[in-house]
Amino acid sequence: MSNLPPSSIPLEKLAQLLSDPARWAILLELAKGEPLPVKELARRVGRTPDMTSKHMAVFRAAGVAVVGYGRLYQLAPGLRPEPGATTLDLGHCLLKLDTRK
């Protein structure tokens, strides 16, 4: 499990992370703050569990997501926005998210 501060995420990994629309949808769900299993995350973003699991591997490799007890995924502790916050600080960039959906 990686708990890197946002500024230590290599730009190349961050670019890979943000290069896929499915990962944007997953990131939006994770930013809502609820730890989720892959199956539920997949259902919410309209992808298969297998494909969602592969995307989560990219998130974990970049240090953006962690998996905890019960195989629940969530943003790494240093990245979790405050409840109701709409900005996610990834070090090299700030993402303004609409979490109302």
N, C-alpha and C. Protein backbone atom coordinates (compact mmCIF):
# COMPACT_ATOMS: atom_id res chain seq x y z
N MET A 1 0.84 -1.17 0.00
CA MET A 1 0.00 0.00 0.00
C MET A 1 0.89 1.23 0.00
N SER A 2 0.64 2.15 -0.93
CA SER A 2 1.44 3.36 -1.04
C SER A 2 0.69 4.54 -0.47
N ASN A 3 1.38 5.40 0.24
CA ASN A 3 0.78 6.59 0.81
C ASN A 3 1.68 7.77 0.48
N LEU A 4 1.94 7.98 -0.78
CA LEU A 4 2.82 9.04 -1.22
C LEU A 4 2.12 10.39 -1.18
N PRO A 5 2.83 11.45 -0.79
CA PRO A 5 2.21 12.76 -0.89
C PRO A 5 2.03 13.11 -2.36
N PRO A 6 1.02 13.94 -2.69
CA PRO A 6 0.72 14.22 -4.09
C PRO A 6 1.92 14.68 -4.90
N SER A 7 2.80 15.48 -4.35
CA SER A 7 3.91 16.03 -5.13
C SER A 7 4.92 14.96 -5.55
N SER A 8 4.86 13.78 -4.93
CA SER A 8 5.83 12.75 -5.27
C SER A 8 5.32 11.78 -6.34
N ILE A 9 4.12 11.98 -6.86
CA ILE A 9 3.62 11.14 -7.94
C ILE A 9 4.34 11.60 -9.21
N PRO A 10 5.12 10.73 -9.82
CA PRO A 10 5.82 11.14 -11.04
C PRO A 10 4.85 11.62 -12.11
N LEU A 11 5.23 12.66 -12.80
CA LEU A 11 4.37 13.25 -13.82
C LEU A 11 3.98 12.22 -14.88
N GLU A 12 4.89 11.32 -15.24
CA GLU A 12 4.58 10.30 -16.24
C GLU A 12 3.44 9.39 -15.78
N LYS A 13 3.47 9.00 -14.49
CA LYS A 13 2.40 8.15 -13.95
C LYS A 13 1.09 8.92 -13.89
N LEU A 14 1.18 10.19 -13.52
CA LEU A 14 -0.02 11.02 -13.45
C LEU A 14 -0.64 11.18 -14.84
N ALA A 15 0.19 11.39 -15.85
CA ALA A 15 -0.30 11.52 -17.22
C ALA A 15 -0.96 10.22 -17.68
N GLN A 16 -0.35 9.08 -17.35
CA GLN A 16 -0.95 7.78 -17.70
C GLN A 16 -2.29 7.62 -17.00
N LEU A 17 -2.34 8.00 -15.74
CA LEU A 17 -3.56 7.87 -14.96
C LEU A 17 -4.70 8.67 -15.58
N LEU A 18 -4.41 9.87 -16.03
CA LEU A 18 -5.45 10.76 -16.54
C LEU A 18 -5.72 10.60 -18.03
N SER A 19 -5.05 9.64 -18.68
CA SER A 19 -5.17 9.50 -20.13
C SER A 19 -6.39 8.69 -20.59
N ASP A 20 -7.15 8.14 -19.68
CA ASP A 20 -8.26 7.27 -20.05
C ASP A 20 -9.57 7.79 -19.45
N PRO A 21 -10.60 7.98 -20.27
CA PRO A 21 -11.89 8.47 -19.77
C PRO A 21 -12.50 7.59 -18.66
N ALA A 22 -12.27 6.29 -18.73
CA ALA A 22 -12.80 5.41 -17.68
C ALA A 22 -12.16 5.74 -16.34
N ARG A 23 -10.87 6.06 -16.34
CA ARG A 23 -10.20 6.41 -15.09
C ARG A 23 -10.70 7.74 -14.54
N TRP A 24 -11.10 8.66 -15.43
CA TRP A 24 -11.70 9.91 -14.95
C TRP A 24 -12.99 9.59 -14.19
N ALA A 25 -13.81 8.70 -14.73
CA ALA A 25 -15.07 8.33 -14.09
C ALA A 25 -14.80 7.65 -12.74
N ILE A 26 -13.80 6.78 -12.71
CA ILE A 26 -13.44 6.11 -11.46
C ILE A 26 -12.93 7.12 -10.45
N LEU A 27 -12.09 8.03 -10.89
CA LEU A 27 -11.56 9.07 -10.00
C LEU A 27 -12.68 9.90 -9.40
N LEU A 28 -13.67 10.24 -10.21
CA LEU A 28 -14.82 10.99 -9.72
C LEU A 28 -15.55 10.23 -8.63
N GLU A 29 -15.74 8.92 -8.83
CA GLU A 29 -16.41 8.10 -7.80
C GLU A 29 -15.56 8.02 -6.53
N LEU A 30 -14.27 7.82 -6.68
CA LEU A 30 -13.40 7.73 -5.51
C LEU A 30 -13.35 9.05 -4.74
N ALA A 31 -13.43 10.17 -5.46
CA ALA A 31 -13.38 11.49 -4.83
C ALA A 31 -14.59 11.75 -3.94
N LYS A 32 -15.65 10.99 -4.13
CA LYS A 32 -16.84 11.16 -3.29
C LYS A 32 -16.58 10.67 -1.86
N GLY A 33 -15.51 9.89 -1.68
CA GLY A 33 -15.08 9.51 -0.34
C GLY A 33 -15.55 8.17 0.17
N GLU A 34 -16.39 7.49 -0.55
CA GLU A 34 -16.91 6.20 -0.09
C GLU A 34 -15.99 5.07 -0.55
N PRO A 35 -15.44 4.28 0.39
CA PRO A 35 -14.64 3.11 -0.02
C PRO A 35 -15.55 2.11 -0.74
N LEU A 36 -15.09 1.61 -1.89
CA LEU A 36 -15.93 0.75 -2.71
C LEU A 36 -15.20 -0.50 -3.18
N PRO A 37 -15.92 -1.63 -3.28
CA PRO A 37 -15.33 -2.82 -3.90
C PRO A 37 -15.34 -2.63 -5.42
N VAL A 38 -14.51 -3.37 -6.13
CA VAL A 38 -14.40 -3.24 -7.58
C VAL A 38 -15.76 -3.43 -8.26
N LYS A 39 -16.52 -4.40 -7.82
CA LYS A 39 -17.81 -4.67 -8.46
C LYS A 39 -18.74 -3.47 -8.43
N GLU A 40 -18.81 -2.81 -7.29
CA GLU A 40 -19.68 -1.64 -7.15
C GLU A 40 -19.12 -0.46 -7.92
N LEU A 41 -17.83 -0.29 -7.87
CA LEU A 41 -17.18 0.78 -8.63
C LEU A 41 -17.44 0.59 -10.12
N ALA A 42 -17.32 -0.65 -10.59
CA ALA A 42 -17.58 -0.97 -12.00
C ALA A 42 -19.02 -0.65 -12.37
N ARG A 43 -19.95 -1.01 -11.52
CA ARG A 43 -21.36 -0.75 -11.78
C ARG A 43 -21.60 0.76 -11.91
N ARG A 44 -21.01 1.53 -11.01
CA ARG A 44 -21.23 2.98 -11.00
C ARG A 44 -20.63 3.68 -12.22
N VAL A 45 -19.55 3.14 -12.77
CA VAL A 45 -18.91 3.80 -13.92
C VAL A 45 -19.25 3.13 -15.25
N GLY A 46 -20.07 2.08 -15.21
CA GLY A 46 -20.50 1.44 -16.44
C GLY A 46 -19.42 0.63 -17.14
N ARG A 47 -18.56 0.00 -16.37
CA ARG A 47 -17.48 -0.83 -16.92
C ARG A 47 -17.60 -2.23 -16.31
N THR A 48 -16.85 -3.18 -16.88
CA THR A 48 -16.85 -4.53 -16.31
C THR A 48 -15.95 -4.54 -15.07
N PRO A 49 -16.21 -5.45 -14.13
CA PRO A 49 -15.33 -5.55 -12.97
C PRO A 49 -13.88 -5.84 -13.36
N ASP A 50 -13.67 -6.68 -14.38
CA ASP A 50 -12.32 -7.02 -14.81
C ASP A 50 -11.58 -5.77 -15.30
N MET A 51 -12.24 -4.97 -16.13
CA MET A 51 -11.60 -3.76 -16.66
C MET A 51 -11.39 -2.74 -15.53
N THR A 52 -12.34 -2.63 -14.64
CA THR A 52 -12.21 -1.70 -13.51
C THR A 52 -11.04 -2.11 -12.63
N SER A 53 -10.88 -3.40 -12.42
CA SER A 53 -9.76 -3.90 -11.63
C SER A 53 -8.42 -3.51 -12.27
N LYS A 54 -8.36 -3.61 -13.58
CA LYS A 54 -7.13 -3.22 -14.29
C LYS A 54 -6.86 -1.73 -14.14
N HIS A 55 -7.90 -0.92 -14.20
CA HIS A 55 -7.73 0.52 -14.00
C HIS A 55 -7.28 0.80 -12.56
N MET A 56 -7.82 0.05 -11.61
CA MET A 56 -7.43 0.26 -10.21
C MET A 56 -5.96 -0.07 -10.00
N ALA A 57 -5.43 -1.03 -10.76
CA ALA A 57 -4.00 -1.34 -10.67
C ALA A 57 -3.17 -0.13 -11.08
N VAL A 58 -3.63 0.62 -12.07
CA VAL A 58 -2.94 1.84 -12.49
C VAL A 58 -2.99 2.88 -11.38
N PHE A 59 -4.16 3.04 -10.75
CA PHE A 59 -4.30 3.97 -9.63
C PHE A 59 -3.36 3.60 -8.48
N ARG A 60 -3.31 2.30 -8.17
CA ARG A 60 -2.44 1.84 -7.07
C ARG A 60 -0.97 2.06 -7.41
N ALA A 61 -0.58 1.75 -8.63
CA ALA A 61 0.82 1.91 -9.05
C ALA A 61 1.25 3.37 -8.98
N ALA A 62 0.32 4.28 -9.23
CA ALA A 62 0.62 5.71 -9.17
C ALA A 62 0.58 6.24 -7.74
N GLY A 63 0.10 5.42 -6.80
CA GLY A 63 -0.01 5.88 -5.41
C GLY A 63 -1.22 6.74 -5.16
N VAL A 64 -2.18 6.70 -6.07
CA VAL A 64 -3.38 7.53 -5.95
C VAL A 64 -4.48 6.80 -5.17
N ALA A 65 -4.54 5.49 -5.27
CA ALA A 65 -5.57 4.72 -4.58
C ALA A 65 -4.93 3.64 -3.72
N VAL A 66 -5.65 3.25 -2.71
CA VAL A 66 -5.24 2.15 -1.83
C VAL A 66 -6.41 1.19 -1.71
N VAL A 67 -6.08 -0.04 -1.39
CA VAL A 67 -7.10 -1.05 -1.15
C VAL A 67 -6.94 -1.49 0.30
N GLY A 68 -8.07 -1.53 1.00
CA GLY A 68 -8.03 -1.87 2.42
C GLY A 68 -8.82 -3.11 2.72
N TYR A 69 -9.16 -3.23 3.98
CA TYR A 69 -9.92 -4.36 4.48
C TYR A 69 -11.17 -4.57 3.63
N GLY A 70 -11.45 -5.80 3.29
CA GLY A 70 -12.61 -6.14 2.48
C GLY A 70 -12.44 -5.80 1.02
N ARG A 71 -11.18 -5.55 0.61
CA ARG A 71 -10.87 -5.19 -0.78
C ARG A 71 -11.64 -3.94 -1.22
N LEU A 72 -11.77 -2.98 -0.28
CA LEU A 72 -12.43 -1.72 -0.59
C LEU A 72 -11.40 -0.71 -1.05
N TYR A 73 -11.66 -0.09 -2.18
CA TYR A 73 -10.75 0.89 -2.76
C TYR A 73 -11.16 2.29 -2.38
N GLN A 74 -10.14 3.13 -2.16
CA GLN A 74 -10.39 4.54 -1.92
C GLN A 74 -9.14 5.33 -2.29
N LEU A 75 -9.28 6.64 -2.35
CA LEU A 75 -8.12 7.47 -2.63
C LEU A 75 -7.12 7.32 -1.50
N ALA A 76 -5.85 7.47 -1.82
CA ALA A 76 -4.80 7.42 -0.80
C ALA A 76 -5.05 8.53 0.23
N PRO A 77 -4.71 8.29 1.49
CA PRO A 77 -5.02 9.27 2.54
C PRO A 77 -4.59 10.70 2.24
N GLY A 78 -3.43 10.91 1.64
CA GLY A 78 -2.97 12.26 1.35
C GLY A 78 -3.72 12.95 0.23
N LEU A 79 -4.57 12.22 -0.47
CA LEU A 79 -5.30 12.77 -1.61
C LEU A 79 -6.79 12.96 -1.35
N ARG A 80 -7.29 12.39 -0.28
CA ARG A 80 -8.74 12.44 -0.03
C ARG A 80 -9.18 13.88 0.24
N PRO A 81 -10.12 14.36 -0.58
CA PRO A 81 -10.62 15.71 -0.33
C PRO A 81 -11.51 15.73 0.91
N GLU A 82 -11.63 16.90 1.51
CA GLU A 82 -12.55 17.07 2.63
C GLU A 82 -13.97 16.83 2.12
N PRO A 83 -14.87 16.38 2.99
CA PRO A 83 -16.26 16.18 2.54
C PRO A 83 -16.81 17.46 1.92
N GLY A 84 -17.39 17.32 0.75
CA GLY A 84 -17.97 18.46 0.05
C GLY A 84 -16.98 19.24 -0.80
N ALA A 85 -15.69 18.95 -0.68
CA ALA A 85 -14.68 19.65 -1.48
C ALA A 85 -14.78 19.21 -2.93
N THR A 86 -14.44 20.09 -3.84
CA THR A 86 -14.53 19.76 -5.26
C THR A 86 -13.18 19.83 -5.96
N THR A 87 -12.11 20.01 -5.19
CA THR A 87 -10.78 20.09 -5.79
C THR A 87 -9.93 18.94 -5.26
N LEU A 88 -9.25 18.28 -6.17
CA LEU A 88 -8.37 17.17 -5.84
C LEU A 88 -6.95 17.59 -6.22
N ASP A 89 -6.06 17.63 -5.24
CA ASP A 89 -4.68 18.05 -5.47
C ASP A 89 -3.83 16.83 -5.78
N LEU A 90 -3.38 16.73 -7.03
CA LEU A 90 -2.53 15.62 -7.45
C LEU A 90 -1.07 16.04 -7.59
N GLY A 91 -0.72 17.15 -6.98
CA GLY A 91 0.66 17.61 -7.00
C GLY A 91 1.01 18.42 -8.22
N HIS A 92 1.05 17.78 -9.37
CA HIS A 92 1.37 18.49 -10.61
C HIS A 92 0.17 19.24 -11.17
N CYS A 93 -1.02 18.88 -10.68
CA CYS A 93 -2.22 19.56 -11.16
C CYS A 93 -3.31 19.50 -10.10
N LEU A 94 -4.23 20.44 -10.20
CA LEU A 94 -5.42 20.45 -9.36
C LEU A 94 -6.60 20.08 -10.25
N LEU A 95 -7.38 19.11 -9.82
CA LEU A 95 -8.56 18.72 -10.58
C LEU A 95 -9.79 19.25 -9.87
N LYS A 96 -10.60 19.97 -10.60
CA LYS A 96 -11.86 20.46 -10.07
C LYS A 96 -12.92 19.47 -10.49
N LEU A 97 -13.54 18.80 -9.53
CA LEU A 97 -14.48 17.72 -9.80
C LEU A 97 -15.90 18.11 -9.45
N ASP A 98 -16.82 17.61 -10.23
CA ASP A 98 -18.24 17.77 -9.94
C ASP A 98 -18.70 16.45 -9.35
N THR A 99 -18.79 16.37 -8.03
CA THR A 99 -19.15 15.12 -7.36
C THR A 99 -20.65 15.02 -7.09
N ARG A 100 -21.44 15.92 -7.63
CA ARG A 100 -22.89 15.89 -7.38
C ARG A 100 -23.60 14.81 -8.18
N LYS A 101 -22.98 14.25 -9.16
CA LYS A 101 -23.63 13.25 -10.03
C LYS A 101 -23.85 11.96 -9.31
